[in-house]
Amino acid sequence: SGPDAVIDGCAEALQLMPTGSLYRI
């Protein structure tokens, strides 16, 4: 989040991912 945040879709996906996960979005 914030002014230099990653795009919304990546931010949403990353919050679904336990650390150590590999996702294709």
mmCIF file of all heavy atoms, coordinates in Angstrom:
data_MODEL
# 
_entry.id   MODEL 
# 
loop_
_atom_site.group_PDB 
_atom_site.id 
_atom_site.type_symbol 
_atom_site.label_atom_id 
_atom_site.label_alt_id 
_atom_site.label_comp_id 
_atom_site.label_asym_id 
_atom_site.label_entity_id 
_atom_site.label_seq_id 
_atom_site.pdbx_PDB_ins_code 
_atom_site.Cartn_x 
_atom_site.Cartn_y 
_atom_site.Cartn_z 
_atom_site.occupancy 
_atom_site.B_iso_or_equiv 
_atom_site.pdbx_formal_charge 
_atom_site.auth_seq_id 
_atom_site.auth_comp_id 
_atom_site.auth_asym_id 
_atom_site.auth_atom_id 
_atom_site.pdbx_PDB_model_num 
ATOM 1   N N   . SER A 1 1  ? 0.858  -1.186  0.000   1.00 0.00 ? 1  SER A N   1 
ATOM 2   C CA  . SER A 1 1  ? 0.000  0.000   0.000   1.00 0.00 ? 1  SER A CA  1 
ATOM 3   C C   . SER A 1 1  ? 0.895  1.238   0.000   1.00 0.00 ? 1  SER A C   1 
ATOM 4   O O   . SER A 1 1  ? 2.090  1.144   0.237   1.00 0.00 ? 1  SER A O   1 
ATOM 5   C CB  . SER A 1 1  ? -0.931 0.003   1.221   1.00 0.00 ? 1  SER A CB  1 
ATOM 6   O OG  . SER A 1 1  ? -0.184 0.021   2.412   1.00 0.00 ? 1  SER A OG  1 
ATOM 7   N N   . GLY A 1 2  ? 0.279  2.379   -0.272  1.00 0.00 ? 2  GLY A N   1 
ATOM 8   C CA  . GLY A 1 2  ? 1.029  3.639   -0.290  1.00 0.00 ? 2  GLY A CA  1 
ATOM 9   C C   . GLY A 1 2  ? 1.350  4.085   -1.701  1.00 0.00 ? 2  GLY A C   1 
ATOM 10  O O   . GLY A 1 2  ? 1.001  3.413   -2.675  1.00 0.00 ? 2  GLY A O   1 
ATOM 11  N N   . PRO A 1 3  ? 2.042  5.214   -1.827  1.00 0.00 ? 3  PRO A N   1 
ATOM 12  C CA  . PRO A 1 3  ? 2.284  5.819   -3.140  1.00 0.00 ? 3  PRO A CA  1 
ATOM 13  C C   . PRO A 1 3  ? 3.161  4.970   -4.072  1.00 0.00 ? 3  PRO A C   1 
ATOM 14  O O   . PRO A 1 3  ? 3.029  5.062   -5.280  1.00 0.00 ? 3  PRO A O   1 
ATOM 15  C CB  . PRO A 1 3  ? 2.958  7.149   -2.815  1.00 0.00 ? 3  PRO A CB  1 
ATOM 16  C CG  . PRO A 1 3  ? 3.452  7.019   -1.413  1.00 0.00 ? 3  PRO A CG  1 
ATOM 17  C CD  . PRO A 1 3  ? 2.574  6.015   -0.730  1.00 0.00 ? 3  PRO A CD  1 
ATOM 18  N N   . ASP A 1 4  ? 4.029  4.146   -3.516  1.00 0.00 ? 4  ASP A N   1 
ATOM 19  C CA  . ASP A 1 4  ? 4.914  3.323   -4.346  1.00 0.00 ? 4  ASP A CA  1 
ATOM 20  C C   . ASP A 1 4  ? 4.486  1.858   -4.346  1.00 0.00 ? 4  ASP A C   1 
ATOM 21  O O   . ASP A 1 4  ? 5.305  0.967   -4.589  1.00 0.00 ? 4  ASP A O   1 
ATOM 22  C CB  . ASP A 1 4  ? 6.366  3.446   -3.853  1.00 0.00 ? 4  ASP A CB  1 
ATOM 23  C CG  . ASP A 1 4  ? 6.882  4.858   -3.975  1.00 0.00 ? 4  ASP A CG  1 
ATOM 24  O OD1 . ASP A 1 4  ? 6.541  5.529   -4.981  1.00 0.00 ? 4  ASP A OD1 1 
ATOM 25  O OD2 . ASP A 1 4  ? 7.596  5.307   -3.059  1.00 0.00 ? 4  ASP A OD2 1 
ATOM 26  N N   . ALA A 1 5  ? 3.222  1.613   -4.050  1.00 0.00 ? 5  ALA A N   1 
ATOM 27  C CA  . ALA A 1 5  ? 2.730  0.240   -3.922  1.00 0.00 ? 5  ALA A CA  1 
ATOM 28  C C   . ALA A 1 5  ? 2.686  -0.473  -5.266  1.00 0.00 ? 5  ALA A C   1 
ATOM 29  O O   . ALA A 1 5  ? 2.551  0.135   -6.328  1.00 0.00 ? 5  ALA A O   1 
ATOM 30  C CB  . ALA A 1 5  ? 1.338  0.240   -3.309  1.00 0.00 ? 5  ALA A CB  1 
ATOM 31  N N   . VAL A 1 6  ? 2.772  -1.777  -5.188  1.00 0.00 ? 6  VAL A N   1 
ATOM 32  C CA  . VAL A 1 6  ? 2.605  -2.660  -6.325  1.00 0.00 ? 6  VAL A CA  1 
ATOM 33  C C   . VAL A 1 6  ? 1.154  -2.514  -6.829  1.00 0.00 ? 6  VAL A C   1 
ATOM 34  O O   . VAL A 1 6  ? 0.295  -2.016  -6.092  1.00 0.00 ? 6  VAL A O   1 
ATOM 35  C CB  . VAL A 1 6  ? 2.948  -4.106  -5.882  1.00 0.00 ? 6  VAL A CB  1 
ATOM 36  C CG1 . VAL A 1 6  ? 1.934  -4.663  -4.914  1.00 0.00 ? 6  VAL A CG1 1 
ATOM 37  C CG2 . VAL A 1 6  ? 3.133  -5.020  -7.041  1.00 0.00 ? 6  VAL A CG2 1 
ATOM 38  N N   . ILE A 1 7  ? 0.868  -2.920  -8.055  1.00 0.00 ? 7  ILE A N   1 
ATOM 39  C CA  . ILE A 1 7  ? -0.503 -2.819  -8.592  1.00 0.00 ? 7  ILE A CA  1 
ATOM 40  C C   . ILE A 1 7  ? -1.495 -3.575  -7.701  1.00 0.00 ? 7  ILE A C   1 
ATOM 41  O O   . ILE A 1 7  ? -1.136 -4.528  -7.013  1.00 0.00 ? 7  ILE A O   1 
ATOM 42  C CB  . ILE A 1 7  ? -0.591 -3.310  -10.058 1.00 0.00 ? 7  ILE A CB  1 
ATOM 43  C CG1 . ILE A 1 7  ? -0.142 -4.763  -10.196 1.00 0.00 ? 7  ILE A CG1 1 
ATOM 44  C CG2 . ILE A 1 7  ? 0.156  -2.374  -10.994 1.00 0.00 ? 7  ILE A CG2 1 
ATOM 45  C CD1 . ILE A 1 7  ? -0.381 -5.362  -11.574 1.00 0.00 ? 7  ILE A CD1 1 
ATOM 46  N N   . ASP A 1 8  ? -2.752 -3.154  -7.750  1.00 0.00 ? 8  ASP A N   1 
ATOM 47  C CA  . ASP A 1 8  ? -3.793 -3.708  -6.882  1.00 0.00 ? 8  ASP A CA  1 
ATOM 48  C C   . ASP A 1 8  ? -3.907 -5.232  -6.972  1.00 0.00 ? 8  ASP A C   1 
ATOM 49  O O   . ASP A 1 8  ? -4.081 -5.896  -5.960  1.00 0.00 ? 8  ASP A O   1 
ATOM 50  C CB  . ASP A 1 8  ? -5.152 -3.081  -7.208  1.00 0.00 ? 8  ASP A CB  1 
ATOM 51  C CG  . ASP A 1 8  ? -5.231 -1.608  -6.834  1.00 0.00 ? 8  ASP A CG  1 
ATOM 52  O OD1 . ASP A 1 8  ? -4.334 -1.110  -6.127  1.00 0.00 ? 8  ASP A OD1 1 
ATOM 53  O OD2 . ASP A 1 8  ? -6.208 -0.958  -7.252  1.00 0.00 ? 8  ASP A OD2 1 
ATOM 54  N N   . GLY A 1 9  ? -3.840 -5.777  -8.176  1.00 0.00 ? 9  GLY A N   1 
ATOM 55  C CA  . GLY A 1 9  ? -3.970 -7.227  -8.338  1.00 0.00 ? 9  GLY A CA  1 
ATOM 56  C C   . GLY A 1 9  ? -2.867 -7.985  -7.630  1.00 0.00 ? 9  GLY A C   1 
ATOM 57  O O   . GLY A 1 9  ? -3.116 -9.023  -7.003  1.00 0.00 ? 9  GLY A O   1 
ATOM 58  N N   . CYS A 1 10 ? -1.654 -7.483  -7.697  1.00 0.00 ? 10 CYS A N   1 
ATOM 59  C CA  . CYS A 1 10 ? -0.528 -8.138  -7.000  1.00 0.00 ? 10 CYS A CA  1 
ATOM 60  C C   . CYS A 1 10 ? -0.670 -7.967  -5.491  1.00 0.00 ? 10 CYS A C   1 
ATOM 61  O O   . CYS A 1 10 ? -0.413 -8.911  -4.733  1.00 0.00 ? 10 CYS A O   1 
ATOM 62  C CB  . CYS A 1 10 ? 0.804  -7.582  -7.482  1.00 0.00 ? 10 CYS A CB  1 
ATOM 63  S SG  . CYS A 1 10 ? 1.223  -8.108  -9.160  1.00 0.00 ? 10 CYS A SG  1 
ATOM 64  N N   . ALA A 1 11 ? -1.074 -6.790  -5.041  1.00 0.00 ? 11 ALA A N   1 
ATOM 65  C CA  . ALA A 1 11 ? -1.266 -6.563  -3.605  1.00 0.00 ? 11 ALA A CA  1 
ATOM 66  C C   . ALA A 1 11 ? -2.330 -7.507  -3.059  1.00 0.00 ? 11 ALA A C   1 
ATOM 67  O O   . ALA A 1 11 ? -2.162 -8.105  -1.990  1.00 0.00 ? 11 ALA A O   1 
ATOM 68  C CB  . ALA A 1 11 ? -1.638 -5.109  -3.338  1.00 0.00 ? 11 ALA A CB  1 
ATOM 69  N N   . GLU A 1 12 ? -3.430 -7.664  -3.801  1.00 0.00 ? 12 GLU A N   1 
ATOM 70  C CA  . GLU A 1 12 ? -4.502 -8.574  -3.375  1.00 0.00 ? 12 GLU A CA  1 
ATOM 71  C C   . GLU A 1 12 ? -3.987 -10.008 -3.297  1.00 0.00 ? 12 GLU A C   1 
ATOM 72  O O   . GLU A 1 12 ? -4.203 -10.708 -2.302  1.00 0.00 ? 12 GLU A O   1 
ATOM 73  C CB  . GLU A 1 12 ? -5.678 -8.487  -4.346  1.00 0.00 ? 12 GLU A CB  1 
ATOM 74  C CG  . GLU A 1 12 ? -6.822 -9.406  -3.978  1.00 0.00 ? 12 GLU A CG  1 
ATOM 75  C CD  . GLU A 1 12 ? -7.985 -9.391  -4.958  1.00 0.00 ? 12 GLU A CD  1 
ATOM 76  O OE1 . GLU A 1 12 ? -8.042 -8.503  -5.841  1.00 0.00 ? 12 GLU A OE1 1 
ATOM 77  O OE2 . GLU A 1 12 ? -8.845 -10.289 -4.847  1.00 0.00 ? 12 GLU A OE2 1 
ATOM 78  N N   . ALA A 1 13 ? -3.298 -10.448 -4.329  1.00 0.00 ? 13 ALA A N   1 
ATOM 79  C CA  . ALA A 1 13 ? -2.791 -11.828 -4.367  1.00 0.00 ? 13 ALA A CA  1 
ATOM 80  C C   . ALA A 1 13 ? -1.798 -12.087 -3.241  1.00 0.00 ? 13 ALA A C   1 
ATOM 81  O O   . ALA A 1 13 ? -1.865 -13.127 -2.569  1.00 0.00 ? 13 ALA A O   1 
ATOM 82  C CB  . ALA A 1 13 ? -2.127 -12.108 -5.714  1.00 0.00 ? 13 ALA A CB  1 
ATOM 83  N N   . LEU A 1 14 ? -0.889 -11.152 -3.025  1.00 0.00 ? 14 LEU A N   1 
ATOM 84  C CA  . LEU A 1 14 ? 0.137  -11.349 -1.995  1.00 0.00 ? 14 LEU A CA  1 
ATOM 85  C C   . LEU A 1 14 ? -0.475 -11.515 -0.605  1.00 0.00 ? 14 LEU A C   1 
ATOM 86  O O   . LEU A 1 14 ? 0.049  -12.261 0.217   1.00 0.00 ? 14 LEU A O   1 
ATOM 87  C CB  . LEU A 1 14 ? 1.152  -10.207 -2.029  1.00 0.00 ? 14 LEU A CB  1 
ATOM 88  C CG  . LEU A 1 14 ? 2.150  -10.332 -3.182  1.00 0.00 ? 14 LEU A CG  1 
ATOM 89  C CD1 . LEU A 1 14 ? 2.763  -8.988  -3.527  1.00 0.00 ? 14 LEU A CD1 1 
ATOM 90  C CD2 . LEU A 1 14 ? 3.229  -11.358 -2.844  1.00 0.00 ? 14 LEU A CD2 1 
ATOM 91  N N   . GLN A 1 15 ? -1.603 -10.875 -0.355  1.00 0.00 ? 15 GLN A N   1 
ATOM 92  C CA  . GLN A 1 15 ? -2.261 -11.011 0.946   1.00 0.00 ? 15 GLN A CA  1 
ATOM 93  C C   . GLN A 1 15 ? -2.982 -12.349 1.102   1.00 0.00 ? 15 GLN A C   1 
ATOM 94  O O   . GLN A 1 15 ? -3.407 -12.701 2.206   1.00 0.00 ? 15 GLN A O   1 
ATOM 95  C CB  . GLN A 1 15 ? -3.217 -9.844  1.175   1.00 0.00 ? 15 GLN A CB  1 
ATOM 96  C CG  . GLN A 1 15 ? -2.469 -8.535  1.363   1.00 0.00 ? 15 GLN A CG  1 
ATOM 97  C CD  . GLN A 1 15 ? -3.395 -7.360  1.422   1.00 0.00 ? 15 GLN A CD  1 
ATOM 98  O OE1 . GLN A 1 15 ? -4.087 -7.178  2.419   1.00 0.00 ? 15 GLN A OE1 1 
ATOM 99  N NE2 . GLN A 1 15 ? -3.420 -6.560  0.363   1.00 0.00 ? 15 GLN A NE2 1 
ATOM 100 N N   . LEU A 1 16 ? -3.098 -13.108 0.032   1.00 0.00 ? 16 LEU A N   1 
ATOM 101 C CA  . LEU A 1 16 ? -3.674 -14.463 0.083   1.00 0.00 ? 16 LEU A CA  1 
ATOM 102 C C   . LEU A 1 16 ? -2.592 -15.522 0.272   1.00 0.00 ? 16 LEU A C   1 
ATOM 103 O O   . LEU A 1 16 ? -2.900 -16.681 0.528   1.00 0.00 ? 16 LEU A O   1 
ATOM 104 C CB  . LEU A 1 16 ? -4.421 -14.773 -1.230  1.00 0.00 ? 16 LEU A CB  1 
ATOM 105 C CG  . LEU A 1 16 ? -5.576 -13.866 -1.619  1.00 0.00 ? 16 LEU A CG  1 
ATOM 106 C CD1 . LEU A 1 16 ? -6.045 -14.193 -3.036  1.00 0.00 ? 16 LEU A CD1 1 
ATOM 107 C CD2 . LEU A 1 16 ? -6.711 -14.005 -0.622  1.00 0.00 ? 16 LEU A CD2 1 
ATOM 108 N N   . MET A 1 17 ? -1.331 -15.122 0.099   1.00 0.00 ? 17 MET A N   1 
ATOM 109 C CA  . MET A 1 17 ? -0.212 -16.061 0.018   1.00 0.00 ? 17 MET A CA  1 
ATOM 110 C C   . MET A 1 17 ? 0.547  -16.183 1.338   1.00 0.00 ? 17 MET A C   1 
ATOM 111 O O   . MET A 1 17 ? 1.181  -15.232 1.761   1.00 0.00 ? 17 MET A O   1 
ATOM 112 C CB  . MET A 1 17 ? 0.784  -15.590 -1.053  1.00 0.00 ? 17 MET A CB  1 
ATOM 113 C CG  . MET A 1 17 ? 0.224  -15.523 -2.452  1.00 0.00 ? 17 MET A CG  1 
ATOM 114 S SD  . MET A 1 17 ? 1.392  -14.778 -3.642  1.00 0.00 ? 17 MET A SD  1 
ATOM 115 C CE  . MET A 1 17 ? 2.721  -15.980 -3.660  1.00 0.00 ? 17 MET A CE  1 
ATOM 116 N N   . PRO A 1 18 ? 0.516  -17.368 1.969   1.00 0.00 ? 18 PRO A N   1 
ATOM 117 C CA  . PRO A 1 18 ? 1.423  -17.553 3.097   1.00 0.00 ? 18 PRO A CA  1 
ATOM 118 C C   . PRO A 1 18 ? 2.869  -17.429 2.594   1.00 0.00 ? 18 PRO A C   1 
ATOM 119 O O   . PRO A 1 18 ? 3.178  -17.832 1.474   1.00 0.00 ? 18 PRO A O   1 
ATOM 120 C CB  . PRO A 1 18 ? 1.145  -18.978 3.566   1.00 0.00 ? 18 PRO A CB  1 
ATOM 121 C CG  . PRO A 1 18 ? -0.201 -19.320 3.007   1.00 0.00 ? 18 PRO A CG  1 
ATOM 122 C CD  . PRO A 1 18 ? -0.316 -18.533 1.728   1.00 0.00 ? 18 PRO A CD  1 
ATOM 123 N N   . THR A 1 19 ? 3.742  -16.850 3.401   1.00 0.00 ? 19 THR A N   1 
ATOM 124 C CA  . THR A 1 19 ? 5.141  -16.712 3.018   1.00 0.00 ? 19 THR A CA  1 
ATOM 125 C C   . THR A 1 19 ? 5.702  -18.082 2.627   1.00 0.00 ? 19 THR A C   1 
ATOM 126 O O   . THR A 1 19 ? 5.439  -19.074 3.296   1.00 0.00 ? 19 THR A O   1 
ATOM 127 C CB  . THR A 1 19 ? 5.944  -16.088 4.179   1.00 0.00 ? 19 THR A CB  1 
ATOM 128 O OG1 . THR A 1 19 ? 5.348  -14.831 4.498   1.00 0.00 ? 19 THR A OG1 1 
ATOM 129 C CG2 . THR A 1 19 ? 7.396  -15.871 3.795   1.00 0.00 ? 19 THR A CG2 1 
ATOM 130 N N   . GLY A 1 20 ? 6.433  -18.113 1.519   1.00 0.00 ? 20 GLY A N   1 
ATOM 131 C CA  . GLY A 1 20 ? 6.960  -19.362 0.979   1.00 0.00 ? 20 GLY A CA  1 
ATOM 132 C C   . GLY A 1 20 ? 6.116  -19.906 -0.160  1.00 0.00 ? 20 GLY A C   1 
ATOM 133 O O   . GLY A 1 20 ? 6.489  -20.882 -0.798  1.00 0.00 ? 20 GLY A O   1 
ATOM 134 N N   . SER A 1 21 ? 4.987  -19.250 -0.449  1.00 0.00 ? 21 SER A N   1 
ATOM 135 C CA  . SER A 1 21 ? 4.091  -19.708 -1.514  1.00 0.00 ? 21 SER A CA  1 
ATOM 136 C C   . SER A 1 21 ? 4.557  -19.254 -2.889  1.00 0.00 ? 21 SER A C   1 
ATOM 137 O O   . SER A 1 21 ? 5.258  -18.250 -3.024  1.00 0.00 ? 21 SER A O   1 
ATOM 138 C CB  . SER A 1 21 ? 2.674  -19.158 -1.293  1.00 0.00 ? 21 SER A CB  1 
ATOM 139 O OG  . SER A 1 21 ? 2.092  -19.683 -0.123  1.00 0.00 ? 21 SER A OG  1 
ATOM 140 N N   . LEU A 1 22 ? 4.127  -19.998 -3.886  1.00 0.00 ? 22 LEU A N   1 
ATOM 141 C CA  . LEU A 1 22 ? 4.343  -19.665 -5.292  1.00 0.00 ? 22 LEU A CA  1 
ATOM 142 C C   . LEU A 1 22 ? 2.974  -19.694 -5.957  1.00 0.00 ? 22 LEU A C   1 
ATOM 143 O O   . LEU A 1 22 ? 2.294  -20.724 -5.933  1.00 0.00 ? 22 LEU A O   1 
ATOM 144 C CB  . LEU A 1 22 ? 5.279  -20.694 -5.943  1.00 0.00 ? 22 LEU A CB  1 
ATOM 145 C CG  . LEU A 1 22 ? 5.603  -20.491 -7.423  1.00 0.00 ? 22 LEU A CG  1 
ATOM 146 C CD1 . LEU A 1 22 ? 6.473  -19.252 -7.624  1.00 0.00 ? 22 LEU A CD1 1 
ATOM 147 C CD2 . LEU A 1 22 ? 6.314  -21.725 -7.974  1.00 0.00 ? 22 LEU A CD2 1 
ATOM 148 N N   . TYR A 1 23 ? 2.536  -18.554 -6.499  1.00 0.00 ? 23 TYR A N   1 
ATOM 149 C CA  . TYR A 1 23 ? 1.237  -18.436 -7.159  1.00 0.00 ? 23 TYR A CA  1 
ATOM 150 C C   . TYR A 1 23 ? 1.429  -17.940 -8.581  1.00 0.00 ? 23 TYR A C   1 
ATOM 151 O O   . TYR A 1 23 ? 2.345  -17.179 -8.872  1.00 0.00 ? 23 TYR A O   1 
ATOM 152 C CB  . TYR A 1 23 ? 0.342  -17.402 -6.459  1.00 0.00 ? 23 TYR A CB  1 
ATOM 153 C CG  . TYR A 1 23 ? -0.381 -17.842 -5.211  1.00 0.00 ? 23 TYR A CG  1 
ATOM 154 C CD1 . TYR A 1 23 ? 0.122  -18.823 -4.360  1.00 0.00 ? 23 TYR A CD1 1 
ATOM 155 C CD2 . TYR A 1 23 ? -1.574 -17.231 -4.856  1.00 0.00 ? 23 TYR A CD2 1 
ATOM 156 C CE1 . TYR A 1 23 ? -0.564 -19.186 -3.205  1.00 0.00 ? 23 TYR A CE1 1 
ATOM 157 C CE2 . TYR A 1 23 ? -2.257 -17.574 -3.705  1.00 0.00 ? 23 TYR A CE2 1 
ATOM 158 C CZ  . TYR A 1 23 ? -1.748 -18.560 -2.880  1.00 0.00 ? 23 TYR A CZ  1 
ATOM 159 O OH  . TYR A 1 23 ? -2.426 -18.910 -1.734  1.00 0.00 ? 23 TYR A OH  1 
ATOM 160 N N   . ARG A 1 24 ? 0.499  -18.352 -9.433  1.00 0.00 ? 24 ARG A N   1 
ATOM 161 C CA  . ARG A 1 24 ? 0.363  -17.774 -10.771 1.00 0.00 ? 24 ARG A CA  1 
ATOM 162 C C   . ARG A 1 24 ? -0.918 -16.969 -10.722 1.00 0.00 ? 24 ARG A C   1 
ATOM 163 O O   . ARG A 1 24 ? -1.967 -17.502 -10.382 1.00 0.00 ? 24 ARG A O   1 
ATOM 164 C CB  . ARG A 1 24 ? 0.257  -18.868 -11.826 1.00 0.00 ? 24 ARG A CB  1 
ATOM 165 C CG  . ARG A 1 24 ? -0.003 -18.327 -13.237 1.00 0.00 ? 24 ARG A CG  1 
ATOM 166 C CD  . ARG A 1 24 ? -0.217 -19.520 -14.194 1.00 0.00 ? 24 ARG A CD  1 
ATOM 167 N NE  . ARG A 1 24 ? -0.533 -19.084 -15.535 1.00 0.00 ? 24 ARG A NE  1 
ATOM 168 C CZ  . ARG A 1 24 ? -1.779 -18.897 -15.995 1.00 0.00 ? 24 ARG A CZ  1 
ATOM 169 N NH1 . ARG A 1 24 ? -2.832 -19.089 -15.208 1.00 0.00 ? 24 ARG A NH1 1 
ATOM 170 N NH2 . ARG A 1 24 ? -1.970 -18.514 -17.241 1.00 0.00 ? 24 ARG A NH2 1 
ATOM 171 N N   . ILE A 1 25 ? -0.827 -15.680 -11.023 1.00 0.00 ? 25 ILE A N   1 
ATOM 172 C CA  . ILE A 1 25 ? -2.010 -14.832 -10.973 1.00 0.00 ? 25 ILE A CA  1 
ATOM 173 C C   . ILE A 1 25 ? -2.282 -14.216 -12.343 1.00 0.00 ? 25 ILE A C   1 
ATOM 174 O O   . ILE A 1 25 ? -1.365 -13.996 -13.131 1.00 0.00 ? 25 ILE A O   1 
ATOM 175 C CB  . ILE A 1 25 ? -1.898 -13.738 -9.895  1.00 0.00 ? 25 ILE A CB  1 
ATOM 176 C CG1 . ILE A 1 25 ? -0.828 -12.696 -10.240 1.00 0.00 ? 25 ILE A CG1 1 
ATOM 177 C CG2 . ILE A 1 25 ? -1.624 -14.352 -8.519  1.00 0.00 ? 25 ILE A CG2 1 
ATOM 178 C CD1 . ILE A 1 25 ? -0.839 -11.460 -9.346  1.00 0.00 ? 25 ILE A CD1 1 
# 
